[in-house]
Amino acid sequence: MREVAVLAAGSASVDQFALGYWLIALSLGISVLGAVVGLACIVHGARSVQFRLVWLVSAAISLGGVGVWLATSVAMLGLKVPGSAMRYDPGRLVAALVVSIVAVLAALLIIGRTPRLALLLPGGAVLGLGIGVTHYLGIGSLEIQGSVGVTVWLAAVSAVIGVITATATLWLFQTMRFPLARAATVLLFGVGVSATYYLALAALHFDVNRTAKVPGGMELFDFVFPMFVIGLLALTVPISAVLIAPDRRELAAPPKPRRPKLEPAR
């Protein structure tokens, strides 16, 4: 069923899974891992006063840098445009990474410590649109022998799904705190990020000109592989911090009053 992976796009056929379908599982796993670490940092940030900003920055790097940017960059490794050389603009790839991290941090600062619908909606919108912009900067870094166009309505659908995913993730994580709900939340985030990416990719159409010169830029693997290693190593810092950080709820709880010892009457 290899032909299922090929999308008709303008005058060229785009193979999204040229390296195999295992990239879907790898991308989803990276996204879920980033969500697990990032949401754990959000929990500690809500309980902390002195180090709240540090926890939120760690959450932004984990959620945005790993859960969104790195996951979709790995998925992009499977992209192939037959009949054309493919190169990527490293400047746009870096810009996509920065946008992803900043969008997560801005959303977390907007929603605050406690779940409130009035703040959750704009926070979810900022995060969701940030995911969409990250995808289009990343995919937009692709340069081929020819031109690339965008189907506007598919791009809009991708952005809407990104906003829904972000808002639902933030709401579920802040209101549903039992383990099964938390597991479902990180899975929802990973699936939502994948859905927005593949819709964003489907919105593009390519017109290949085989006589055009090979575009400048670099091979995607040469950029993503070192970032993959750096990203996974970077996660060890917040993971270690989460494991050794004290439970703020226990520290904040007032000490239990000591019952006075009663001496027998003489």
Protein backbone atom coordinates (compact mmCIF):
# COMPACT_ATOMS: atom_id res chain seq x y z
CA MET A 1 0.00 0.00 0.00
CA ARG A 2 2.93 2.29 -0.66
CA GLU A 3 0.86 4.47 -2.96
CA VAL A 4 -1.24 5.64 -0.02
CA ALA A 5 1.73 7.68 1.19
CA VAL A 6 1.94 9.66 -2.05
CA LEU A 7 -0.07 12.85 -2.33
CA ALA A 8 -0.85 14.50 -5.61
CA ALA A 9 0.42 18.05 -5.26
CA GLY A 10 0.38 20.29 -8.29
CA SER A 11 2.57 18.90 -11.01
CA ALA A 12 4.65 16.75 -8.63
CA SER A 13 3.95 13.80 -6.39
CA VAL A 14 5.13 14.25 -2.81
CA ASP A 15 6.12 11.19 -0.81
CA GLN A 16 5.69 11.95 2.89
CA PHE A 17 7.11 8.62 4.07
CA ALA A 18 10.08 8.00 1.80
CA LEU A 19 12.05 6.51 4.72
CA GLY A 20 9.16 4.37 5.97
CA TYR A 21 6.20 4.65 8.29
CA TRP A 22 8.36 4.10 11.37
CA LEU A 23 9.09 7.82 11.31
CA ILE A 24 5.49 8.44 12.38
CA ALA A 25 6.02 6.41 15.55
CA LEU A 26 9.38 8.06 16.23
CA SER A 27 7.95 11.54 15.74
CA LEU A 28 4.95 10.77 17.94
CA GLY A 29 7.19 9.30 20.64
CA ILE A 30 9.40 12.42 20.67
CA SER A 31 6.33 14.65 20.91
CA VAL A 32 4.87 12.65 23.79
CA LEU A 33 8.22 12.62 25.62
CA GLY A 34 8.51 16.38 25.31
CA ALA A 35 4.94 16.78 26.57
CA VAL A 36 5.53 14.53 29.59
CA VAL A 37 8.60 16.48 30.70
CA GLY A 38 7.11 19.86 29.82
CA LEU A 39 3.84 19.31 31.67
CA ALA A 40 5.73 18.01 34.71
CA CYS A 41 7.70 21.28 34.70
CA ILE A 42 4.42 23.22 34.52
CA VAL A 43 3.20 21.44 37.66
CA HIS A 44 6.35 22.38 39.58
CA GLY A 45 6.19 25.92 38.21
CA ALA A 46 2.67 26.32 39.60
CA ARG A 47 3.92 25.31 43.06
CA SER A 48 7.14 27.32 43.03
CA VAL A 49 7.61 31.02 43.76
CA GLN A 50 11.34 31.66 43.56
CA PHE A 51 12.05 29.38 40.57
CA ARG A 52 8.74 29.66 38.71
CA LEU A 53 10.27 31.30 35.62
CA VAL A 54 13.01 28.65 35.48
CA TRP A 55 10.38 25.89 35.49
CA LEU A 56 8.34 27.66 32.79
CA VAL A 57 11.39 28.10 30.54
CA SER A 58 12.18 24.40 31.00
CA ALA A 59 8.58 23.58 30.09
CA ALA A 60 8.79 25.78 26.98
CA ILE A 61 11.99 24.08 25.80
CA SER A 62 10.53 20.62 26.45
CA LEU A 63 7.08 21.25 24.97
CA GLY A 64 8.00 23.64 22.18
CA GLY A 65 11.58 22.73 21.36
CA VAL A 66 11.25 18.95 21.65
CA GLY A 67 7.52 18.16 21.65
CA VAL A 68 6.74 20.33 18.62
CA TRP A 69 9.81 21.44 16.68
CA LEU A 70 12.06 18.38 17.03
CA ALA A 71 9.16 15.95 16.54
CA THR A 72 8.04 17.54 13.29
CA SER A 73 11.61 18.05 12.05
CA VAL A 74 12.18 14.31 12.44
CA ALA A 75 8.95 13.66 10.50
CA MET A 76 10.22 15.96 7.74
CA LEU A 77 13.15 13.60 7.17
CA GLY A 78 10.72 11.31 5.34
CA LEU A 79 9.68 14.00 2.85
CA LYS A 80 10.73 13.51 -0.77
CA VAL A 81 9.85 15.48 -3.90
CA PRO A 82 10.64 13.19 -6.87
CA GLY A 83 12.53 14.80 -9.70
CA SER A 84 14.03 17.56 -7.59
CA ALA A 85 16.96 18.08 -5.26
CA MET A 86 15.88 19.22 -1.80
CA ARG A 87 17.69 21.65 0.46
CA TYR A 88 16.65 23.47 3.63
CA ASP A 89 17.24 27.01 4.83
CA PRO A 90 18.87 26.72 8.29
CA GLY A 91 17.79 30.25 9.19
CA ARG A 92 14.13 29.36 8.89
CA LEU A 93 14.63 26.12 10.80
CA VAL A 94 16.18 28.07 13.68
CA ALA A 95 13.38 30.65 13.47
CA ALA A 96 10.80 27.84 13.72
CA LEU A 97 12.54 26.54 16.86
CA VAL A 98 12.57 29.99 18.46
CA VAL A 99 8.90 30.63 17.63
CA SER A 100 7.89 27.28 19.10
CA ILE A 101 9.66 27.89 22.41
CA VAL A 102 8.52 31.52 22.72
CA ALA A 103 4.89 30.59 21.93
CA VAL A 104 4.81 27.97 24.70
CA LEU A 105 6.39 30.33 27.22
CA ALA A 106 4.00 33.15 26.32
CA ALA A 107 0.99 30.83 26.63
CA LEU A 108 2.10 29.61 30.06
CA LEU A 109 2.60 33.17 31.29
CA ILE A 110 -0.87 34.09 30.04
CA ILE A 111 -2.78 31.24 31.69
CA GLY A 112 -1.08 31.66 35.07
CA ARG A 113 -1.02 29.20 37.95
CA THR A 114 -4.68 28.21 38.18
CA PRO A 115 -7.11 27.20 35.40
CA ARG A 116 -9.39 30.08 34.42
CA LEU A 117 -11.37 29.98 31.19
CA ALA A 118 -10.87 33.70 30.52
CA LEU A 119 -7.09 33.16 30.41
CA LEU A 120 -7.06 29.60 29.07
CA LEU A 121 -8.65 30.54 25.74
CA PRO A 122 -6.13 33.24 24.75
CA GLY A 123 -3.29 31.09 26.10
CA GLY A 124 -4.44 28.14 24.00
CA ALA A 125 -4.80 30.39 20.95
CA VAL A 126 -1.22 31.69 21.34
CA LEU A 127 0.17 28.18 21.76
CA GLY A 128 -1.88 26.73 18.89
CA LEU A 129 -0.98 29.50 16.45
CA GLY A 130 2.63 29.15 17.54
CA ILE A 131 2.51 25.47 16.60
CA GLY A 132 1.07 26.40 13.21
CA VAL A 133 3.72 29.06 12.54
CA THR A 134 6.42 26.59 13.61
CA HIS A 135 5.18 24.05 11.07
CA TYR A 136 5.06 26.55 8.21
CA LEU A 137 8.47 28.01 8.99
CA GLY A 138 9.89 24.50 9.13
CA ILE A 139 8.21 23.25 5.98
CA GLY A 140 8.75 26.64 4.35
CA SER A 141 12.49 26.19 4.78
CA LEU A 142 12.33 23.55 2.03
CA GLU A 143 13.79 24.67 -1.29
CA ILE A 144 13.38 22.65 -4.49
CA GLN A 145 14.12 22.95 -8.18
CA GLY A 146 10.93 24.85 -8.91
CA SER A 147 8.28 26.61 -6.83
CA VAL A 148 6.14 25.84 -3.79
CA GLY A 149 2.53 27.01 -3.34
CA VAL A 150 0.02 26.85 -0.48
CA THR A 151 -3.63 25.75 -0.41
CA VAL A 152 -5.07 28.39 1.92
CA TRP A 153 -8.07 26.48 3.28
CA LEU A 154 -5.96 23.48 4.28
CA ALA A 155 -3.51 25.80 6.00
CA ALA A 156 -6.41 27.36 7.91
CA VAL A 157 -7.72 23.94 8.99
CA SER A 158 -4.24 23.03 10.23
CA ALA A 159 -4.09 26.22 12.31
CA VAL A 160 -7.55 25.57 13.81
CA ILE A 161 -6.56 22.03 14.81
CA GLY A 162 -3.41 23.43 16.41
CA VAL A 163 -5.44 25.87 18.53
CA ILE A 164 -7.92 23.16 19.56
CA THR A 165 -5.09 20.78 20.47
CA ALA A 166 -3.24 23.37 22.54
CA THR A 167 -6.36 24.57 24.40
CA ALA A 168 -7.57 21.04 25.11
CA THR A 169 -4.13 19.96 26.34
CA LEU A 170 -3.81 22.88 28.75
CA TRP A 171 -7.38 22.51 30.03
CA LEU A 172 -7.22 18.74 30.53
CA PHE A 173 -3.86 18.86 32.26
CA GLN A 174 -4.95 21.56 34.68
CA THR A 175 -8.36 20.12 35.52
CA MET A 176 -8.01 16.32 35.17
CA ARG A 177 -5.23 15.29 37.52
CA PHE A 178 -5.56 11.53 37.84
CA PRO A 179 -2.89 9.41 36.08
CA LEU A 180 -5.04 8.04 33.25
CA ALA A 181 -6.21 11.53 32.30
CA ARG A 182 -2.62 12.81 32.33
CA ALA A 183 -1.56 9.95 30.04
CA ALA A 184 -4.43 10.71 27.67
CA THR A 185 -3.47 14.39 27.67
CA VAL A 186 0.13 13.85 26.54
CA LEU A 187 -1.07 11.40 23.87
CA LEU A 188 -3.60 13.98 22.67
CA PHE A 189 -0.82 16.54 22.41
CA GLY A 190 1.39 14.22 20.36
CA VAL A 191 -1.41 13.22 17.99
CA GLY A 192 -2.52 16.85 17.61
CA VAL A 193 0.99 18.01 16.74
CA SER A 194 1.29 15.24 14.14
CA ALA A 195 -2.12 16.09 12.67
CA THR A 196 -1.28 19.78 12.29
CA TYR A 197 2.04 18.92 10.65
CA TYR A 198 0.62 16.52 8.07
CA LEU A 199 -2.24 18.90 7.24
CA ALA A 200 0.25 21.74 6.86
CA LEU A 201 2.30 19.55 4.53
CA ALA A 202 -0.80 18.56 2.55
CA ALA A 203 -1.52 22.27 2.02
CA LEU A 204 1.65 22.64 -0.04
CA HIS A 205 1.89 21.92 -3.76
CA PHE A 206 5.10 21.69 -5.71
CA ASP A 207 5.88 22.60 -9.33
CA VAL A 208 9.18 20.96 -10.25
CA ASN A 209 11.46 22.40 -12.90
CA ARG A 210 14.13 19.78 -13.57
CA THR A 211 16.22 22.28 -15.55
CA ALA A 212 16.49 24.71 -12.64
CA LYS A 213 19.72 24.83 -10.67
CA VAL A 214 20.07 22.94 -7.41
CA PRO A 215 18.95 25.25 -4.59
CA GLY A 216 21.29 26.41 -1.86
CA GLY A 217 20.93 25.43 1.78
CA MET A 218 21.79 22.21 3.55
CA GLU A 219 20.60 18.64 3.84
CA LEU A 220 17.94 18.30 6.53
CA PHE A 221 19.62 15.33 8.19
CA ASP A 222 22.82 17.33 8.68
CA PHE A 223 20.82 19.85 10.73
CA VAL A 224 18.28 17.66 12.49
CA PHE A 225 20.55 14.85 13.69
CA PRO A 226 22.76 17.05 15.93
CA MET A 227 19.63 18.87 17.15
CA PHE A 228 18.08 15.48 17.92
CA VAL A 229 21.05 14.55 20.09
CA ILE A 230 21.17 17.98 21.76
CA GLY A 231 17.41 17.97 22.36
CA LEU A 232 17.35 14.58 24.04
CA LEU A 233 20.38 15.47 26.15
CA ALA A 234 18.75 18.77 27.11
CA LEU A 235 15.74 16.88 28.46
CA THR A 236 17.93 15.24 31.08
CA VAL A 237 18.19 18.57 32.92
CA PRO A 238 14.45 19.10 33.57
CA ILE A 239 13.94 15.37 34.12
CA SER A 240 16.61 15.40 36.84
CA ALA A 241 15.14 18.58 38.33
CA VAL A 242 11.65 17.06 38.43
CA LEU A 243 12.92 13.90 40.12
CA ILE A 244 14.86 15.68 42.86
CA ALA A 245 12.57 18.68 43.38
CA PRO A 246 10.63 18.58 46.66
CA ASP A 247 6.86 18.32 46.62
CA ARG A 248 5.75 21.93 47.09
CA ARG A 249 2.37 20.87 48.40
CA GLU A 250 3.99 19.13 51.33
CA LEU A 251 6.30 22.07 52.00
CA ALA A 252 3.40 24.51 51.86
CA ALA A 253 1.18 22.50 54.17
CA PRO A 254 1.05 23.94 57.70
CA PRO A 255 2.78 21.80 60.31
CA LYS A 256 0.51 19.60 62.33
CA PRO A 257 0.07 20.92 65.88
CA ARG A 258 1.80 18.86 68.50
CA ARG A 259 -0.50 17.48 71.08
CA PRO A 260 0.58 18.47 74.60
CA LYS A 261 1.69 15.66 76.83
CA LEU A 262 -0.63 15.24 79.77
CA GLU A 263 1.03 14.37 83.01
CA PRO A 264 -0.89 12.32 85.54
CA ALA A 265 -2.30 14.31 88.45
CA ARG A 266 -0.35 14.00 91.67
